[in-house]
Amino acid sequence: MKITRTQLRKLILESVVEFPTGKRLKQLLNDLRNGFLSYYDEGDTSMVAYGLDSWAEQVNNAIDYVKDEVGNDLSLFDQAADQAEALLIDGRFHPMSDYNVLARASDVEDQDDEFANFLDNLESGDIEEFPYYDDY
């Protein structure tokens, strides 16, 4: 397949210059970032405990989430922004909130049962450490 010099110039120009959707997306993301940053409330102890820098980091994570969800389709922006807002308020973008490592309720119940059995098997005056495992 051959292309002309004009077509080659056009392809190069398109790869270097942002499309109007890219500029619009940057503007929308900037407005969304400013809106999310304005949610910071010094009266809220859960926010103040980590500080404004932590909140700004969470907001940046939310903006990255929206950017990834939208891609090049601006019609998805409102839906992605609403989802990001809900996740931000829920604390899902906090660096310490790795929901993949939090214990499931069934795991906690199993640990409670195991600990109760351990206590039941102890004789009075017998001191022994509870056998912790690496996977807890």
N, C-alpha and C. Protein backbone atom coordinates (compact mmCIF):
# COMPACT_ATOMS: atom_id res chain seq x y z
N MET A 1 0.85 -1.17 0.00
CA MET A 1 0.00 0.00 0.00
C MET A 1 0.90 1.24 0.00
N LYS A 2 0.63 2.12 -0.90
CA LYS A 2 1.40 3.35 -1.01
C LYS A 2 0.54 4.52 -0.57
N ILE A 3 1.20 5.51 0.02
CA ILE A 3 0.50 6.74 0.37
C ILE A 3 1.28 7.92 -0.21
N THR A 4 0.57 8.96 -0.45
CA THR A 4 1.21 10.15 -1.02
C THR A 4 1.86 10.96 0.10
N ARG A 5 2.69 11.92 -0.31
CA ARG A 5 3.32 12.79 0.68
C ARG A 5 2.28 13.58 1.46
N THR A 6 1.23 13.99 0.80
CA THR A 6 0.17 14.75 1.47
C THR A 6 -0.51 13.88 2.53
N GLN A 7 -0.78 12.63 2.19
CA GLN A 7 -1.40 11.73 3.15
C GLN A 7 -0.45 11.46 4.32
N LEU A 8 0.84 11.31 4.03
CA LEU A 8 1.83 11.10 5.07
C LEU A 8 1.91 12.30 6.00
N ARG A 9 1.92 13.51 5.45
CA ARG A 9 1.93 14.71 6.27
C ARG A 9 0.70 14.78 7.16
N LYS A 10 -0.45 14.43 6.59
CA LYS A 10 -1.70 14.46 7.35
C LYS A 10 -1.65 13.46 8.51
N LEU A 11 -1.14 12.27 8.26
CA LEU A 11 -1.02 11.27 9.33
C LEU A 11 -0.08 11.73 10.43
N ILE A 12 1.05 12.33 10.03
CA ILE A 12 2.00 12.83 11.02
C ILE A 12 1.39 13.96 11.83
N LEU A 13 0.71 14.88 11.15
CA LEU A 13 0.07 16.00 11.85
C LEU A 13 -0.98 15.51 12.83
N GLU A 14 -1.78 14.53 12.44
CA GLU A 14 -2.81 14.00 13.33
C GLU A 14 -2.20 13.30 14.54
N SER A 15 -1.04 12.69 14.38
CA SER A 15 -0.42 12.01 15.51
C SER A 15 0.24 12.98 16.48
N VAL A 16 0.60 14.18 15.99
CA VAL A 16 1.27 15.17 16.83
C VAL A 16 0.27 16.13 17.47
N VAL A 17 -0.68 16.60 16.70
CA VAL A 17 -1.66 17.58 17.17
C VAL A 17 -2.83 16.85 17.80
N GLU A 18 -3.28 17.33 18.95
CA GLU A 18 -4.41 16.69 19.63
C GLU A 18 -5.70 16.91 18.85
N PHE A 19 -6.53 15.90 18.87
CA PHE A 19 -7.85 16.04 18.29
C PHE A 19 -8.70 16.89 19.22
N PRO A 20 -9.75 17.49 18.71
CA PRO A 20 -10.61 18.31 19.58
C PRO A 20 -11.16 17.54 20.78
N THR A 21 -11.40 16.24 20.62
CA THR A 21 -11.90 15.46 21.76
C THR A 21 -10.86 15.39 22.86
N GLY A 22 -9.58 15.34 22.51
CA GLY A 22 -8.52 15.31 23.51
C GLY A 22 -8.47 16.58 24.32
N LYS A 23 -8.63 17.72 23.65
CA LYS A 23 -8.65 19.00 24.36
C LYS A 23 -9.88 19.10 25.24
N ARG A 24 -11.00 18.68 24.72
CA ARG A 24 -12.25 18.73 25.49
C ARG A 24 -12.16 17.81 26.71
N LEU A 25 -11.58 16.62 26.52
CA LEU A 25 -11.44 15.69 27.64
C LEU A 25 -10.54 16.27 28.72
N LYS A 26 -9.43 16.91 28.31
CA LYS A 26 -8.55 17.53 29.31
C LYS A 26 -9.29 18.60 30.09
N GLN A 27 -10.10 19.38 29.40
CA GLN A 27 -10.86 20.44 30.08
C GLN A 27 -11.88 19.83 31.05
N LEU A 28 -12.58 18.80 30.61
CA LEU A 28 -13.56 18.14 31.47
C LEU A 28 -12.89 17.51 32.69
N LEU A 29 -11.74 16.87 32.47
CA LEU A 29 -11.02 16.23 33.59
C LEU A 29 -10.51 17.28 34.57
N ASN A 30 -10.04 18.40 34.07
CA ASN A 30 -9.57 19.48 34.94
C ASN A 30 -10.71 20.04 35.78
N ASP A 31 -11.88 20.25 35.14
CA ASP A 31 -13.05 20.73 35.88
C ASP A 31 -13.48 19.72 36.94
N LEU A 32 -13.44 18.44 36.57
CA LEU A 32 -13.82 17.38 37.50
C LEU A 32 -12.84 17.33 38.67
N ARG A 33 -11.55 17.45 38.38
CA ARG A 33 -10.53 17.46 39.43
C ARG A 33 -10.77 18.60 40.42
N ASN A 34 -11.04 19.79 39.89
CA ASN A 34 -11.31 20.95 40.76
C ASN A 34 -12.56 20.72 41.60
N GLY A 35 -13.56 20.10 41.01
CA GLY A 35 -14.78 19.80 41.76
C GLY A 35 -14.53 18.81 42.88
N PHE A 36 -13.76 17.75 42.56
CA PHE A 36 -13.45 16.75 43.58
C PHE A 36 -12.58 17.33 44.69
N LEU A 37 -11.63 18.18 44.33
CA LEU A 37 -10.77 18.80 45.34
C LEU A 37 -11.58 19.68 46.28
N SER A 38 -12.65 20.28 45.77
CA SER A 38 -13.47 21.15 46.62
C SER A 38 -14.27 20.36 47.65
N TYR A 39 -14.34 19.05 47.52
CA TYR A 39 -15.05 18.22 48.50
C TYR A 39 -14.29 18.13 49.83
N TYR A 40 -13.01 18.49 49.82
CA TYR A 40 -12.20 18.38 51.04
C TYR A 40 -12.81 19.26 52.13
N ASP A 41 -13.01 18.66 53.30
CA ASP A 41 -13.67 19.35 54.40
C ASP A 41 -12.82 19.18 55.66
N GLU A 42 -12.32 20.29 56.17
CA GLU A 42 -11.49 20.20 57.37
C GLU A 42 -12.30 19.82 58.60
N GLY A 43 -13.62 19.90 58.52
CA GLY A 43 -14.46 19.49 59.63
C GLY A 43 -14.70 17.99 59.67
N ASP A 44 -14.36 17.30 58.59
CA ASP A 44 -14.53 15.85 58.50
C ASP A 44 -13.26 15.17 59.01
N THR A 45 -13.37 14.51 60.15
CA THR A 45 -12.18 13.92 60.77
C THR A 45 -11.55 12.83 59.91
N SER A 46 -12.35 12.13 59.11
CA SER A 46 -11.78 11.08 58.27
C SER A 46 -10.90 11.66 57.16
N MET A 47 -11.20 12.89 56.74
CA MET A 47 -10.38 13.53 55.72
C MET A 47 -9.16 14.21 56.33
N VAL A 48 -9.37 14.87 57.44
CA VAL A 48 -8.29 15.64 58.06
C VAL A 48 -7.21 14.73 58.59
N ALA A 49 -7.57 13.52 58.99
CA ALA A 49 -6.59 12.60 59.56
C ALA A 49 -5.46 12.32 58.57
N TYR A 50 -5.77 12.24 57.29
CA TYR A 50 -4.74 11.95 56.29
C TYR A 50 -4.22 13.22 55.62
N GLY A 51 -4.98 14.29 55.67
CA GLY A 51 -4.51 15.57 55.15
C GLY A 51 -4.91 15.84 53.71
N LEU A 52 -4.68 17.07 53.31
CA LEU A 52 -5.05 17.53 51.97
C LEU A 52 -4.23 16.83 50.89
N ASP A 53 -2.97 16.55 51.17
CA ASP A 53 -2.14 15.87 50.17
C ASP A 53 -2.68 14.48 49.85
N SER A 54 -3.13 13.78 50.86
CA SER A 54 -3.71 12.47 50.64
C SER A 54 -5.01 12.57 49.83
N TRP A 55 -5.80 13.60 50.14
CA TRP A 55 -7.05 13.80 49.39
C TRP A 55 -6.73 14.11 47.93
N ALA A 56 -5.72 14.94 47.69
CA ALA A 56 -5.33 15.27 46.31
C ALA A 56 -4.87 14.02 45.57
N GLU A 57 -4.16 13.13 46.26
CA GLU A 57 -3.73 11.87 45.64
C GLU A 57 -4.93 11.00 45.28
N GLN A 58 -5.90 10.94 46.16
CA GLN A 58 -7.12 10.17 45.88
C GLN A 58 -7.86 10.76 44.68
N VAL A 59 -7.93 12.09 44.62
CA VAL A 59 -8.59 12.75 43.50
C VAL A 59 -7.86 12.44 42.20
N ASN A 60 -6.54 12.47 42.22
CA ASN A 60 -5.77 12.14 41.02
C ASN A 60 -6.02 10.70 40.59
N ASN A 61 -6.14 9.79 41.54
CA ASN A 61 -6.46 8.40 41.21
C ASN A 61 -7.85 8.30 40.58
N ALA A 62 -8.79 9.09 41.09
CA ALA A 62 -10.14 9.10 40.53
C ALA A 62 -10.13 9.66 39.11
N ILE A 63 -9.35 10.70 38.88
CA ILE A 63 -9.26 11.29 37.54
C ILE A 63 -8.64 10.30 36.57
N ASP A 64 -7.62 9.58 37.00
CA ASP A 64 -7.01 8.55 36.15
C ASP A 64 -8.02 7.45 35.82
N TYR A 65 -8.84 7.10 36.80
CA TYR A 65 -9.89 6.11 36.58
C TYR A 65 -10.85 6.59 35.49
N VAL A 66 -11.29 7.85 35.59
CA VAL A 66 -12.22 8.40 34.59
C VAL A 66 -11.56 8.42 33.22
N LYS A 67 -10.31 8.84 33.18
CA LYS A 67 -9.59 8.91 31.91
C LYS A 67 -9.51 7.54 31.25
N ASP A 68 -9.23 6.51 32.05
CA ASP A 68 -9.15 5.15 31.52
C ASP A 68 -10.50 4.66 31.04
N GLU A 69 -11.55 4.97 31.79
CA GLU A 69 -12.89 4.52 31.43
C GLU A 69 -13.39 5.19 30.16
N VAL A 70 -13.08 6.46 29.99
CA VAL A 70 -13.59 7.22 28.85
C VAL A 70 -12.83 6.88 27.58
N GLY A 71 -11.52 6.80 27.66
CA GLY A 71 -10.73 6.56 26.45
C GLY A 71 -10.92 7.69 25.47
N ASN A 72 -11.40 7.38 24.28
CA ASN A 72 -11.66 8.41 23.26
C ASN A 72 -13.14 8.67 23.07
N ASP A 73 -13.99 8.06 23.88
CA ASP A 73 -15.44 8.20 23.73
C ASP A 73 -15.98 9.14 24.81
N LEU A 74 -16.15 10.41 24.44
CA LEU A 74 -16.61 11.41 25.41
C LEU A 74 -18.03 11.15 25.90
N SER A 75 -18.78 10.34 25.19
CA SER A 75 -20.15 10.06 25.64
C SER A 75 -20.17 9.25 26.94
N LEU A 76 -19.05 8.62 27.28
CA LEU A 76 -18.95 7.84 28.52
C LEU A 76 -18.52 8.68 29.71
N PHE A 77 -18.23 9.96 29.48
CA PHE A 77 -17.64 10.78 30.54
C PHE A 77 -18.56 10.92 31.75
N ASP A 78 -19.82 11.27 31.54
CA ASP A 78 -20.73 11.50 32.67
C ASP A 78 -20.89 10.25 33.52
N GLN A 79 -21.04 9.12 32.87
CA GLN A 79 -21.20 7.86 33.61
C GLN A 79 -19.93 7.54 34.40
N ALA A 80 -18.77 7.70 33.77
CA ALA A 80 -17.51 7.41 34.44
C ALA A 80 -17.26 8.39 35.58
N ALA A 81 -17.63 9.66 35.38
CA ALA A 81 -17.44 10.67 36.43
C ALA A 81 -18.33 10.36 37.64
N ASP A 82 -19.57 9.96 37.39
CA ASP A 82 -20.47 9.60 38.49
C ASP A 82 -19.94 8.39 39.26
N GLN A 83 -19.44 7.40 38.52
CA GLN A 83 -18.89 6.20 39.16
C GLN A 83 -17.66 6.56 39.98
N ALA A 84 -16.79 7.40 39.42
CA ALA A 84 -15.58 7.81 40.14
C ALA A 84 -15.93 8.59 41.40
N GLU A 85 -16.95 9.43 41.32
CA GLU A 85 -17.38 10.20 42.49
C GLU A 85 -17.86 9.27 43.60
N ALA A 86 -18.64 8.27 43.23
CA ALA A 86 -19.13 7.31 44.22
C ALA A 86 -17.98 6.54 44.85
N LEU A 87 -17.02 6.11 44.04
CA LEU A 87 -15.87 5.37 44.56
C LEU A 87 -14.98 6.27 45.42
N LEU A 88 -14.85 7.54 45.03
CA LEU A 88 -14.04 8.48 45.80
C LEU A 88 -14.65 8.72 47.17
N ILE A 89 -15.94 8.92 47.22
CA ILE A 89 -16.63 9.15 48.48
C ILE A 89 -16.56 7.90 49.36
N ASP A 90 -16.56 6.74 48.72
CA ASP A 90 -16.48 5.47 49.45
C ASP A 90 -15.07 5.16 49.92
N GLY A 91 -14.08 5.94 49.48
CA GLY A 91 -12.70 5.75 49.91
C GLY A 91 -11.94 4.71 49.13
N ARG A 92 -12.42 4.34 47.97
CA ARG A 92 -11.78 3.28 47.19
C ARG A 92 -10.49 3.73 46.50
N PHE A 93 -10.27 5.04 46.39
CA PHE A 93 -9.06 5.52 45.74
C PHE A 93 -7.96 5.86 46.73
N HIS A 94 -8.21 5.60 48.01
CA HIS A 94 -7.19 5.84 49.02
C HIS A 94 -6.11 4.79 48.86
N PRO A 95 -4.84 5.19 48.94
CA PRO A 95 -3.76 4.20 48.74
C PRO A 95 -3.78 3.05 49.73
N MET A 96 -4.33 3.27 50.91
CA MET A 96 -4.37 2.22 51.93
C MET A 96 -5.58 1.31 51.79
N SER A 97 -6.45 1.59 50.84
CA SER A 97 -7.65 0.78 50.72
C SER A 97 -7.50 -0.24 49.60
N ASP A 98 -6.72 -1.24 49.84
CA ASP A 98 -6.56 -2.31 48.87
C ASP A 98 -7.60 -3.37 49.21
N TYR A 99 -8.73 -3.30 48.54
CA TYR A 99 -9.84 -4.19 48.86
C TYR A 99 -9.54 -5.64 48.50
N ASN A 100 -8.46 -5.88 47.77
CA ASN A 100 -8.13 -7.26 47.43
C ASN A 100 -7.55 -8.01 48.62
N VAL A 101 -6.99 -7.30 49.60
CA VAL A 101 -6.38 -7.99 50.72
C VAL A 101 -7.23 -7.95 51.98
N LEU A 102 -8.35 -7.27 51.94
CA LEU A 102 -9.22 -7.26 53.12
C LEU A 102 -9.86 -8.62 53.29
N ALA A 103 -10.02 -9.01 54.52
CA ALA A 103 -10.59 -10.33 54.80
C ALA A 103 -12.07 -10.37 54.44
N ARG A 104 -12.46 -11.47 53.86
CA ARG A 104 -13.89 -11.68 53.61
C ARG A 104 -14.54 -12.10 54.92
N ALA A 105 -15.83 -11.91 55.02
CA ALA A 105 -16.54 -12.24 56.26
C ALA A 105 -16.37 -13.72 56.61
N SER A 106 -16.39 -14.58 55.61
CA SER A 106 -16.26 -16.01 55.88
C SER A 106 -14.88 -16.33 56.45
N ASP A 107 -13.84 -15.61 55.99
CA ASP A 107 -12.50 -15.83 56.54
C ASP A 107 -12.46 -15.46 58.01
N VAL A 108 -13.09 -14.35 58.36
CA VAL A 108 -13.11 -13.90 59.75
C VAL A 108 -13.87 -14.90 60.61
N GLU A 109 -14.98 -15.42 60.10
CA GLU A 109 -15.74 -16.41 60.86
C GLU A 109 -14.90 -17.67 61.08
N ASP A 110 -14.15 -18.09 60.06
CA ASP A 110 -13.29 -19.27 60.21
C ASP A 110 -12.23 -19.02 61.27
N GLN A 111 -11.64 -17.81 61.28
CA GLN A 111 -10.63 -17.48 62.27
C GLN A 111 -11.24 -17.45 63.67
N ASP A 112 -12.45 -16.91 63.78
CA ASP A 112 -13.12 -16.88 65.08
C ASP A 112 -13.38 -18.29 65.59
N ASP A 113 -13.84 -19.16 64.71
CA ASP A 113 -14.09 -20.55 65.10
C ASP A 113 -12.80 -21.25 65.51
N GLU A 114 -11.74 -21.01 64.76
CA GLU A 114 -10.46 -21.64 65.09
C GLU A 114 -9.94 -21.15 66.44
N PHE A 115 -10.09 -19.85 66.69
CA PHE A 115 -9.63 -19.30 67.96
C PHE A 115 -10.49 -19.82 69.12
N ALA A 116 -11.79 -19.94 68.91
CA ALA A 116 -12.67 -20.48 69.95
C ALA A 116 -12.29 -21.93 70.27
N ASN A 117 -12.00 -22.71 69.25
CA ASN A 117 -11.57 -24.10 69.47
C ASN A 117 -10.25 -24.15 70.22
N PHE A 118 -9.35 -23.25 69.88
CA PHE A 118 -8.07 -23.17 70.57
C PHE A 118 -8.28 -22.88 72.05
N LEU A 119 -9.18 -21.91 72.36
CA LEU A 119 -9.45 -21.57 73.75
C LEU A 119 -10.12 -22.72 74.49
N ASP A 120 -11.01 -23.43 73.80
CA ASP A 120 -11.69 -24.56 74.43
C ASP A 120 -10.71 -25.68 74.80
N ASN A 121 -9.66 -25.84 73.99
CA ASN A 121 -8.70 -26.92 74.22
C ASN A 121 -7.65 -26.58 75.26
N LEU A 122 -7.58 -25.34 75.67
CA LEU A 122 -6.61 -24.96 76.70
C LEU A 122 -7.07 -25.47 78.06
N GLU A 123 -6.15 -25.97 78.79
CA GLU A 123 -6.46 -26.38 80.16
C GLU A 123 -6.19 -25.20 81.07
N SER A 124 -6.80 -25.19 82.19
CA SER A 124 -6.64 -24.09 83.11
C SER A 124 -5.18 -23.97 83.53
N GLY A 125 -4.64 -22.75 83.45
CA GLY A 125 -3.26 -22.49 83.81
C GLY A 125 -2.27 -22.81 82.71
N ASP A 126 -2.73 -23.35 81.61
CA ASP A 126 -1.85 -23.69 80.50
C ASP A 126 -1.67 -22.45 79.61
N ILE A 127 -0.44 -22.01 79.44
CA ILE A 127 -0.16 -20.83 78.62
C ILE A 127 0.52 -21.30 77.34
N GLU A 128 -0.07 -20.92 76.26
CA GLU A 128 0.47 -21.32 74.97
C GLU A 128 0.10 -20.23 73.96
N GLU A 129 0.96 -20.00 73.00
CA GLU A 129 0.65 -18.98 72.00
C GLU A 129 -0.33 -19.54 70.99
N PHE A 130 -1.19 -18.65 70.51
CA PHE A 130 -2.11 -19.03 69.44
C PHE A 130 -1.30 -19.20 68.16
N PRO A 131 -1.49 -20.30 67.47
CA PRO A 131 -0.68 -20.56 66.27
C PRO A 131 -1.10 -19.67 65.09
N TYR A 132 -0.42 -18.56 64.96
CA TYR A 132 -0.70 -17.69 63.81
C TYR A 132 -0.03 -18.24 62.58
N TYR A 133 -0.69 -18.08 61.49
CA TYR A 133 -0.14 -18.56 60.22
C TYR A 133 0.20 -17.39 59.34
N ASP A 134 1.08 -17.61 58.40
CA ASP A 134 1.52 -16.54 57.51
C ASP A 134 0.40 -16.00 56.64
N ASP A 135 -0.61 -16.81 56.36
CA ASP A 135 -1.65 -16.37 55.44
C ASP A 135 -2.74 -15.56 56.11
N TYR A 136 -2.64 -15.27 57.40
CA TYR A 136 -3.65 -14.43 58.06
C TYR A 136 -3.37 -13.00 57.78
